[in-house]
Amino acid sequence: MKFVVRAMHIISVGGYIVETQFPYRNLIVVNPTEEPIKIDIPIFTEDWIEKHRGFGLEITPITEKESFLSNFRKAKIKLDKLKEEKLDEIA
């Protein structure tokens, strides 16, 4: 199955991790490009991370000990700055 990450958008895919041995409880996926990118779901292996980074996505794995909210906010701030830079280029 596929899921589309819109251009300049951020999502969490923790609900699509189906492998109990997967070392992360959640993944933050950022599409910093100006094109939508399809991702494969569900997520079974760690290879998924590198494969999708190859598509231009920024992926932040979250372990049990890490704060999802803090990491999501950091990624969102970074994405918002990138959006502002793109708008400034257009203007």
C-alpha atoms as a PDB file:
ATOM      1  CA  MET A   1       0.000   0.000   0.000  1.00  0.00           C
ATOM      2  CA  LYS A   2       1.152   3.562  -0.616  1.00  0.00           C
ATOM      3  CA  PHE A   3       0.648   6.857   1.183  1.00  0.00           C
ATOM      4  CA  VAL A   4       1.388  10.279  -0.287  1.00  0.00           C
ATOM      5  CA  VAL A   5       3.382  12.827   1.719  1.00  0.00           C
ATOM      6  CA  ARG A   6       2.464  16.212   0.319  1.00  0.00           C
ATOM      7  CA  ALA A   7       5.145  18.705  -0.672  1.00  0.00           C
ATOM      8  CA  MET A   8       6.609  20.691   2.251  1.00  0.00           C
ATOM      9  CA  HIS A   9       4.630  18.614   4.757  1.00  0.00           C
ATOM     10  CA  ILE A  10       5.359  16.626   7.930  1.00  0.00           C
ATOM     11  CA  ILE A  11       3.682  13.432   9.162  1.00  0.00           C
ATOM     12  CA  SER A  12       4.074  10.764  11.818  1.00  0.00           C
ATOM     13  CA  VAL A  13       3.884   7.129  10.713  1.00  0.00           C
ATOM     14  CA  GLY A  14       4.012   5.356  14.081  1.00  0.00           C
ATOM     15  CA  GLY A  15       0.604   3.801  13.471  1.00  0.00           C
ATOM     16  CA  TYR A  16       1.939   2.060  10.367  1.00  0.00           C
ATOM     17  CA  ILE A  17       4.787   0.222  12.125  1.00  0.00           C
ATOM     18  CA  VAL A  18       3.639  -3.400  12.321  1.00  0.00           C
ATOM     19  CA  GLU A  19       6.781  -5.275  13.314  1.00  0.00           C
ATOM     20  CA  THR A  20       7.078  -5.832  17.063  1.00  0.00           C
ATOM     21  CA  GLN A  21      10.870  -6.154  16.764  1.00  0.00           C
ATOM     22  CA  PHE A  22      11.188  -2.753  15.052  1.00  0.00           C
ATOM     23  CA  PRO A  23      13.607  -0.677  17.181  1.00  0.00           C
ATOM     24  CA  TYR A  24      11.609   2.569  16.964  1.00  0.00           C
ATOM     25  CA  ARG A  25       8.173   3.423  18.301  1.00  0.00           C
ATOM     26  CA  ASN A  26       7.551   6.168  15.784  1.00  0.00           C
ATOM     27  CA  LEU A  27       9.000   7.844  12.695  1.00  0.00           C
ATOM     28  CA  ILE A  28       8.688  11.503  11.781  1.00  0.00           C
ATOM     29  CA  VAL A  29       8.655  11.928   8.011  1.00  0.00           C
ATOM     30  CA  VAL A  30       9.286  15.337   6.442  1.00  0.00           C
ATOM     31  CA  ASN A  31       8.954  16.034   2.749  1.00  0.00           C
ATOM     32  CA  PRO A  32      11.128  19.140   2.201  1.00  0.00           C
ATOM     33  CA  THR A  33      10.713  18.966  -1.569  1.00  0.00           C
ATOM     34  CA  GLU A  34       8.221  20.790  -3.745  1.00  0.00           C
ATOM     35  CA  GLU A  35       6.779  17.519  -5.062  1.00  0.00           C
ATOM     36  CA  PRO A  36       4.561  14.943  -3.337  1.00  0.00           C
ATOM     37  CA  ILE A  37       6.342  11.667  -2.555  1.00  0.00           C
ATOM     38  CA  LYS A  38       4.736   8.236  -2.187  1.00  0.00           C
ATOM     39  CA  ILE A  39       5.828   6.095   0.752  1.00  0.00           C
ATOM     40  CA  ASP A  40       5.260   2.395   1.336  1.00  0.00           C
ATOM     41  CA  ILE A  41       3.122   1.413   4.299  1.00  0.00           C
ATOM     42  CA  PRO A  42       3.032  -0.558   6.540  1.00  0.00           C
ATOM     43  CA  ILE A  43       6.602  -0.457   7.835  1.00  0.00           C
ATOM     44  CA  PHE A  44       8.292  -3.788   8.547  1.00  0.00           C
ATOM     45  CA  THR A  45      12.073  -3.234   8.603  1.00  0.00           C
ATOM     46  CA  GLU A  46      14.750  -0.628   9.259  1.00  0.00           C
ATOM     47  CA  ASP A  47      15.642  -0.770   5.556  1.00  0.00           C
ATOM     48  CA  TRP A  48      12.465   1.250   4.966  1.00  0.00           C
ATOM     49  CA  ILE A  49      14.170   4.298   6.526  1.00  0.00           C
ATOM     50  CA  GLU A  50      17.169   4.346   4.180  1.00  0.00           C
ATOM     51  CA  LYS A  51      15.060   3.503   1.139  1.00  0.00           C
ATOM     52  CA  HIS A  52      12.764   6.471   1.757  1.00  0.00           C
ATOM     53  CA  ARG A  53      15.602   8.834   2.646  1.00  0.00           C
ATOM     54  CA  GLY A  54      16.785   8.078  -0.872  1.00  0.00           C
ATOM     55  CA  PHE A  55      13.556   9.652  -2.162  1.00  0.00           C
ATOM     56  CA  GLY A  56      14.522  12.959  -0.528  1.00  0.00           C
ATOM     57  CA  LEU A  57      12.531  12.542   2.688  1.00  0.00           C
ATOM     58  CA  GLU A  58      13.934  13.523   6.071  1.00  0.00           C
ATOM     59  CA  ILE A  59      13.165  10.735   8.529  1.00  0.00           C
ATOM     60  CA  THR A  60      13.635  10.993  12.284  1.00  0.00           C
ATOM     61  CA  PRO A  61      13.333   7.665  14.148  1.00  0.00           C
ATOM     62  CA  ILE A  62      11.963   7.936  17.708  1.00  0.00           C
ATOM     63  CA  THR A  63      12.936   5.387  20.355  1.00  0.00           C
ATOM     64  CA  GLU A  64      11.033   4.584  23.544  1.00  0.00           C
ATOM     65  CA  LYS A  65      13.264   6.929  25.554  1.00  0.00           C
ATOM     66  CA  GLU A  66      12.979   9.931  23.220  1.00  0.00           C
ATOM     67  CA  SER A  67      10.251  12.549  23.280  1.00  0.00           C
ATOM     68  CA  PHE A  68       8.100  12.366  20.181  1.00  0.00           C
ATOM     69  CA  LEU A  69       6.635  15.819  20.734  1.00  0.00           C
ATOM     70  CA  SER A  70      10.028  17.536  21.121  1.00  0.00           C
ATOM     71  CA  ASN A  71      11.384  15.905  17.987  1.00  0.00           C
ATOM     72  CA  PHE A  72       8.224  16.659  16.024  1.00  0.00           C
ATOM     73  CA  ARG A  73       8.389  20.322  17.039  1.00  0.00           C
ATOM     74  CA  LYS A  74      12.057  20.554  15.998  1.00  0.00           C
ATOM     75  CA  ALA A  75      11.283  19.024  12.605  1.00  0.00           C
ATOM     76  CA  LYS A  76       8.267  21.325  12.173  1.00  0.00           C
ATOM     77  CA  ILE A  77      10.324  24.432  12.979  1.00  0.00           C
ATOM     78  CA  LYS A  78      12.968  23.360  10.456  1.00  0.00           C
ATOM     79  CA  LEU A  79      10.283  22.753   7.813  1.00  0.00           C
ATOM     80  CA  ASP A  80       8.616  26.114   8.533  1.00  0.00           C
ATOM     81  CA  LYS A  81      11.959  27.902   8.055  1.00  0.00           C
ATOM     82  CA  LEU A  82      12.426  26.103   4.749  1.00  0.00           C
ATOM     83  CA  LYS A  83       8.916  27.159   3.662  1.00  0.00           C
ATOM     84  CA  GLU A  84       9.727  30.803   4.542  1.00  0.00           C
ATOM     85  CA  GLU A  85      12.947  30.640   2.518  1.00  0.00           C
ATOM     86  CA  LYS A  86      11.040  29.259  -0.479  1.00  0.00           C
ATOM     87  CA  LEU A  87       8.466  32.074  -0.191  1.00  0.00           C
ATOM     88  CA  ASP A  88      11.237  34.658   0.016  1.00  0.00           C
ATOM     89  CA  GLU A  89      12.770  33.263  -3.182  1.00  0.00           C
ATOM     90  CA  ILE A  90       9.464  33.665  -4.984  1.00  0.00           C
ATOM     91  CA  ALA A  91       8.879  37.234  -3.786  1.00  0.00           C
END
